[in-house]
Amino acid sequence: MKPNIPKLVFAILATIYFLWIAIDPMEGSFLDIVDLPIHETGHLLFRPFGEFMMIAGGSLFQVIMPAIFVGYFWWHEKPYSAAFVLFWVGQSIINVWIYANDAIVMQLVLTSGFTGSEGSFHDWNYLLTRTGLLGSHSTVAGFIRLLGTLTILAAAGLTIYFSFKDTNEMSEAL
């Protein structure tokens, strides 16, 4: 089957962009300004489940929210769109890695305008301290980055794959 050229080009460009994010996450992405309010909303949504879940809820919701969109598009039999939004899930996981990786040095400027080392609250320092994993923060952060990178690679493969499929061929694509 012939590819849908615009979809294929868009998939290749997105793959290059999001792989660049996975390789050099500290450069940031345009989605960071979307991730932050979602992250902060997660704290509010998870607040009823106790302090630990309220703190974890920021990072959790930051990943759950784009995953909901993936599910929405998949449910509505739009596999290319679902695969494309999967890039956002991967980017969001990489964004969580940045925060988790900062758990000991606490040098990121947080929403308070200060770094964690200046007395501002740092989610991942708290989470890893409470779970006894602060000494293993590099391993935890490394796993998060690996998960984000694998998600981006899956999105790349799926968007390219689905750019060769007719959108009406959902059942055949699976």
C-alpha atoms as a PDB file:
ATOM      1  CA  MET A   1       0.000   0.000   0.000  1.00  0.00           C
ATOM      2  CA  LYS A   2       1.198   3.520  -0.790  1.00  0.00           C
ATOM      3  CA  PRO A   3       1.846   5.843   2.132  1.00  0.00           C
ATOM      4  CA  ASN A   4      -0.183   8.923   2.898  1.00  0.00           C
ATOM      5  CA  ILE A   5       2.674  11.308   2.088  1.00  0.00           C
ATOM      6  CA  PRO A   6       1.636  14.217   4.374  1.00  0.00           C
ATOM      7  CA  LYS A   7       1.171  11.826   7.303  1.00  0.00           C
ATOM      8  CA  LEU A   8       4.485  10.129   6.605  1.00  0.00           C
ATOM      9  CA  VAL A   9       6.358  13.444   6.372  1.00  0.00           C
ATOM     10  CA  PHE A  10       4.718  14.662   9.574  1.00  0.00           C
ATOM     11  CA  ALA A  11       5.563  11.364  11.308  1.00  0.00           C
ATOM     12  CA  ILE A  12       9.213  11.595  10.244  1.00  0.00           C
ATOM     13  CA  LEU A  13       9.515  15.238  11.335  1.00  0.00           C
ATOM     14  CA  ALA A  14       7.869  14.460  14.678  1.00  0.00           C
ATOM     15  CA  THR A  15      10.156  11.469  15.132  1.00  0.00           C
ATOM     16  CA  ILE A  16      13.229  13.639  14.595  1.00  0.00           C
ATOM     17  CA  TYR A  17      11.933  16.330  16.960  1.00  0.00           C
ATOM     18  CA  PHE A  18      10.906  13.983  19.774  1.00  0.00           C
ATOM     19  CA  LEU A  19      14.051  11.859  19.495  1.00  0.00           C
ATOM     20  CA  TRP A  20      15.997  15.102  19.875  1.00  0.00           C
ATOM     21  CA  ILE A  21      14.031  15.699  23.110  1.00  0.00           C
ATOM     22  CA  ALA A  22      14.899  12.188  24.308  1.00  0.00           C
ATOM     23  CA  ILE A  23      18.580  12.698  23.503  1.00  0.00           C
ATOM     24  CA  ASP A  24      18.853  16.218  24.959  1.00  0.00           C
ATOM     25  CA  PRO A  25      15.902  16.707  27.325  1.00  0.00           C
ATOM     26  CA  MET A  26      17.376  19.715  29.103  1.00  0.00           C
ATOM     27  CA  GLU A  27      16.763  21.810  25.981  1.00  0.00           C
ATOM     28  CA  GLY A  28      13.025  21.542  26.671  1.00  0.00           C
ATOM     29  CA  SER A  29      10.158  21.493  24.212  1.00  0.00           C
ATOM     30  CA  PHE A  30       7.151  23.558  23.258  1.00  0.00           C
ATOM     31  CA  LEU A  31       5.001  21.097  25.224  1.00  0.00           C
ATOM     32  CA  ASP A  32       6.647  22.110  28.505  1.00  0.00           C
ATOM     33  CA  ILE A  33       4.256  25.066  28.780  1.00  0.00           C
ATOM     34  CA  VAL A  34       1.358  22.621  28.426  1.00  0.00           C
ATOM     35  CA  ASP A  35       2.822  20.065  30.844  1.00  0.00           C
ATOM     36  CA  LEU A  36       3.287  22.501  33.735  1.00  0.00           C
ATOM     37  CA  PRO A  37      -0.367  23.477  34.306  1.00  0.00           C
ATOM     38  CA  ILE A  38      -1.393  19.838  33.869  1.00  0.00           C
ATOM     39  CA  HIS A  39       1.248  18.850  36.444  1.00  0.00           C
ATOM     40  CA  GLU A  40      -0.007  21.442  38.916  1.00  0.00           C
ATOM     41  CA  THR A  41      -3.627  20.371  38.341  1.00  0.00           C
ATOM     42  CA  GLY A  42      -2.584  16.814  39.157  1.00  0.00           C
ATOM     43  CA  HIS A  43      -1.606  17.916  42.654  1.00  0.00           C
ATOM     44  CA  LEU A  44      -5.133  19.243  43.194  1.00  0.00           C
ATOM     45  CA  LEU A  45      -6.868  16.208  41.704  1.00  0.00           C
ATOM     46  CA  PHE A  46      -4.869  13.724  43.785  1.00  0.00           C
ATOM     47  CA  ARG A  47      -5.131  15.739  47.018  1.00  0.00           C
ATOM     48  CA  PRO A  48      -8.069  13.679  48.391  1.00  0.00           C
ATOM     49  CA  PHE A  49      -5.821  10.582  48.355  1.00  0.00           C
ATOM     50  CA  GLY A  50      -3.364  11.873  50.957  1.00  0.00           C
ATOM     51  CA  GLU A  51      -0.124  13.822  51.021  1.00  0.00           C
ATOM     52  CA  PHE A  52       2.047  11.299  49.161  1.00  0.00           C
ATOM     53  CA  MET A  53      -0.457  10.858  46.335  1.00  0.00           C
ATOM     54  CA  MET A  54      -1.036  14.612  46.146  1.00  0.00           C
ATOM     55  CA  ILE A  55       2.697  15.140  45.573  1.00  0.00           C
ATOM     56  CA  ALA A  56       2.980  12.197  43.168  1.00  0.00           C
ATOM     57  CA  GLY A  57      -0.216  13.315  41.431  1.00  0.00           C
ATOM     58  CA  GLY A  58       1.559  16.138  39.614  1.00  0.00           C
ATOM     59  CA  SER A  59       3.873  13.826  37.719  1.00  0.00           C
ATOM     60  CA  LEU A  60       1.219  11.127  37.380  1.00  0.00           C
ATOM     61  CA  PHE A  61      -1.408  13.425  35.891  1.00  0.00           C
ATOM     62  CA  GLN A  62       1.186  14.968  33.583  1.00  0.00           C
ATOM     63  CA  VAL A  63       1.511  11.527  31.965  1.00  0.00           C
ATOM     64  CA  ILE A  64      -2.101  10.380  32.406  1.00  0.00           C
ATOM     65  CA  MET A  65      -3.589  13.406  30.621  1.00  0.00           C
ATOM     66  CA  PRO A  66      -1.930  12.842  27.224  1.00  0.00           C
ATOM     67  CA  ALA A  67      -2.510   9.093  27.636  1.00  0.00           C
ATOM     68  CA  ILE A  68      -6.234   9.851  27.903  1.00  0.00           C
ATOM     69  CA  PHE A  69      -6.045  11.524  24.489  1.00  0.00           C
ATOM     70  CA  VAL A  70      -4.235   8.489  23.076  1.00  0.00           C
ATOM     71  CA  GLY A  71      -7.060   6.323  24.384  1.00  0.00           C
ATOM     72  CA  TYR A  72      -9.685   8.695  22.995  1.00  0.00           C
ATOM     73  CA  PHE A  73      -8.254   8.564  19.487  1.00  0.00           C
ATOM     74  CA  TRP A  74      -7.755   4.812  19.661  1.00  0.00           C
ATOM     75  CA  TRP A  75     -11.336   4.318  20.868  1.00  0.00           C
ATOM     76  CA  HIS A  76     -12.585   6.407  17.930  1.00  0.00           C
ATOM     77  CA  GLU A  77     -10.546   4.279  15.540  1.00  0.00           C
ATOM     78  CA  LYS A  78      -8.044   6.971  14.660  1.00  0.00           C
ATOM     79  CA  PRO A  79      -4.817   4.996  15.101  1.00  0.00           C
ATOM     80  CA  TYR A  80      -2.531   7.532  13.417  1.00  0.00           C
ATOM     81  CA  SER A  81      -3.786  10.291  15.719  1.00  0.00           C
ATOM     82  CA  ALA A  82      -3.450   8.012  18.754  1.00  0.00           C
ATOM     83  CA  ALA A  83       0.105   7.141  17.764  1.00  0.00           C
ATOM     84  CA  PHE A  84       0.922  10.783  17.163  1.00  0.00           C
ATOM     85  CA  VAL A  85      -0.312  11.845  20.605  1.00  0.00           C
ATOM     86  CA  LEU A  86       1.836   9.039  22.034  1.00  0.00           C
ATOM     87  CA  PHE A  87       4.791  11.330  21.266  1.00  0.00           C
ATOM     88  CA  TRP A  88       3.356  13.733  23.863  1.00  0.00           C
ATOM     89  CA  VAL A  89       3.144  10.907  26.418  1.00  0.00           C
ATOM     90  CA  GLY A  90       6.820  10.119  25.829  1.00  0.00           C
ATOM     91  CA  GLN A  91       7.820  13.780  26.018  1.00  0.00           C
ATOM     92  CA  SER A  92       5.866  14.168  29.240  1.00  0.00           C
ATOM     93  CA  ILE A  93       7.616  11.157  30.772  1.00  0.00           C
ATOM     94  CA  ILE A  94      10.970  12.665  29.747  1.00  0.00           C
ATOM     95  CA  ASN A  95       9.839  15.906  31.398  1.00  0.00           C
ATOM     96  CA  VAL A  96       9.169  13.946  34.607  1.00  0.00           C
ATOM     97  CA  TRP A  97      12.704  12.509  34.290  1.00  0.00           C
ATOM     98  CA  ILE A  98      14.117  16.041  34.405  1.00  0.00           C
ATOM     99  CA  TYR A  99      12.349  16.639  37.715  1.00  0.00           C
ATOM    100  CA  ALA A 100      13.232  13.222  39.197  1.00  0.00           C
ATOM    101  CA  ASN A 101      16.853  13.549  38.125  1.00  0.00           C
ATOM    102  CA  ASP A 102      17.033  16.857  40.011  1.00  0.00           C
ATOM    103  CA  ALA A 103      15.901  15.265  43.304  1.00  0.00           C
ATOM    104  CA  ILE A 104      19.269  15.551  45.069  1.00  0.00           C
ATOM    105  CA  VAL A 105      20.823  18.744  43.667  1.00  0.00           C
ATOM    106  CA  MET A 106      17.433  20.532  43.463  1.00  0.00           C
ATOM    107  CA  GLN A 107      18.647  23.138  40.985  1.00  0.00           C
ATOM    108  CA  LEU A 108      15.511  23.442  38.840  1.00  0.00           C
ATOM    109  CA  VAL A 109      13.626  26.681  39.218  1.00  0.00           C
ATOM    110  CA  LEU A 110      10.214  25.624  40.480  1.00  0.00           C
ATOM    111  CA  THR A 111       6.836  27.367  40.250  1.00  0.00           C
ATOM    112  CA  SER A 112       7.703  29.360  43.376  1.00  0.00           C
ATOM    113  CA  GLY A 113      10.491  31.024  41.402  1.00  0.00           C
ATOM    114  CA  PHE A 114      13.113  29.421  43.627  1.00  0.00           C
ATOM    115  CA  THR A 115      15.094  26.202  43.430  1.00  0.00           C
ATOM    116  CA  GLY A 116      14.487  23.366  45.852  1.00  0.00           C
ATOM    117  CA  SER A 117      17.876  24.077  47.418  1.00  0.00           C
ATOM    118  CA  GLU A 118      16.655  27.616  48.205  1.00  0.00           C
ATOM    119  CA  GLY A 119      13.832  26.236  50.308  1.00  0.00           C
ATOM    120  CA  SER A 120      11.145  25.674  47.676  1.00  0.00           C
ATOM    121  CA  PHE A 121       9.309  22.329  47.844  1.00  0.00           C
ATOM    122  CA  HIS A 122      10.677  19.683  45.458  1.00  0.00           C
ATOM    123  CA  ASP A 123       8.224  16.880  44.599  1.00  0.00           C
ATOM    124  CA  TRP A 124      10.776  14.264  43.656  1.00  0.00           C
ATOM    125  CA  ASN A 125      13.052  14.913  46.617  1.00  0.00           C
ATOM    126  CA  TYR A 126      10.019  14.319  48.825  1.00  0.00           C
ATOM    127  CA  LEU A 127       8.817  11.225  46.906  1.00  0.00           C
ATOM    128  CA  LEU A 128      12.192   9.534  46.804  1.00  0.00           C
ATOM    129  CA  THR A 129      12.912  10.390  50.429  1.00  0.00           C
ATOM    130  CA  ARG A 130       9.559   8.972  51.564  1.00  0.00           C
ATOM    131  CA  THR A 131      10.087   5.744  49.606  1.00  0.00           C
ATOM    132  CA  GLY A 132      13.695   5.373  50.756  1.00  0.00           C
ATOM    133  CA  LEU A 133      14.958   5.678  47.186  1.00  0.00           C
ATOM    134  CA  LEU A 134      16.734   9.028  47.340  1.00  0.00           C
ATOM    135  CA  GLY A 135      20.090   7.241  47.282  1.00  0.00           C
ATOM    136  CA  SER A 136      18.946   5.455  44.122  1.00  0.00           C
ATOM    137  CA  HIS A 137      17.596   8.567  42.413  1.00  0.00           C
ATOM    138  CA  SER A 138      19.856   8.012  39.376  1.00  0.00           C
ATOM    139  CA  THR A 139      18.424   4.529  38.851  1.00  0.00           C
ATOM    140  CA  VAL A 140      14.831   5.700  39.288  1.00  0.00           C
ATOM    141  CA  ALA A 141      15.395   8.684  37.004  1.00  0.00           C
ATOM    142  CA  GLY A 142      17.189   6.469  34.473  1.00  0.00           C
ATOM    143  CA  PHE A 143      14.220   4.108  34.381  1.00  0.00           C
ATOM    144  CA  ILE A 144      11.853   7.050  33.842  1.00  0.00           C
ATOM    145  CA  ARG A 145      14.013   8.349  30.978  1.00  0.00           C
ATOM    146  CA  LEU A 146      14.190   4.886  29.422  1.00  0.00           C
ATOM    147  CA  LEU A 147      10.405   4.573  29.617  1.00  0.00           C
ATOM    148  CA  GLY A 148       9.976   8.004  27.980  1.00  0.00           C
ATOM    149  CA  THR A 149      12.454   7.184  25.231  1.00  0.00           C
ATOM    150  CA  LEU A 150      10.823   3.815  24.514  1.00  0.00           C
ATOM    151  CA  THR A 151       7.430   5.540  24.359  1.00  0.00           C
ATOM    152  CA  ILE A 152       8.793   8.038  21.828  1.00  0.00           C
ATOM    153  CA  LEU A 153      10.284   5.188  19.778  1.00  0.00           C
ATOM    154  CA  ALA A 154       6.937   3.360  19.873  1.00  0.00           C
ATOM    155  CA  ALA A 155       5.183   6.532  18.722  1.00  0.00           C
ATOM    156  CA  ALA A 156       7.704   6.885  15.904  1.00  0.00           C
ATOM    157  CA  GLY A 157       7.197   3.334  14.706  1.00  0.00           C
ATOM    158  CA  LEU A 158       3.421   3.511  14.992  1.00  0.00           C
ATOM    159  CA  THR A 159       3.017   6.870  13.244  1.00  0.00           C
ATOM    160  CA  ILE A 160       5.164   5.708  10.372  1.00  0.00           C
ATOM    161  CA  TYR A 161       3.308   2.380  10.236  1.00  0.00           C
ATOM    162  CA  PHE A 162      -0.128   4.017  10.302  1.00  0.00           C
ATOM    163  CA  SER A 163       0.864   6.523   7.632  1.00  0.00           C
ATOM    164  CA  PHE A 164       0.881   3.511   5.286  1.00  0.00           C
ATOM    165  CA  LYS A 165      -2.614   2.438   6.347  1.00  0.00           C
ATOM    166  CA  ASP A 166      -5.930   3.762   5.136  1.00  0.00           C
ATOM    167  CA  THR A 167      -7.695   5.361   8.116  1.00  0.00           C
ATOM    168  CA  ASN A 168     -10.697   3.164   7.392  1.00  0.00           C
ATOM    169  CA  GLU A 169      -8.587   0.046   7.850  1.00  0.00           C
ATOM    170  CA  MET A 170      -8.382   0.072  11.623  1.00  0.00           C
ATOM    171  CA  SER A 171      -9.190  -3.612  12.025  1.00  0.00           C
ATOM    172  CA  GLU A 172      -6.555  -4.554   9.441  1.00  0.00           C
ATOM    173  CA  ALA A 173      -3.965  -2.351  11.125  1.00  0.00           C
ATOM    174  CA  LEU A 174      -4.214  -4.335  14.318  1.00  0.00           C
END
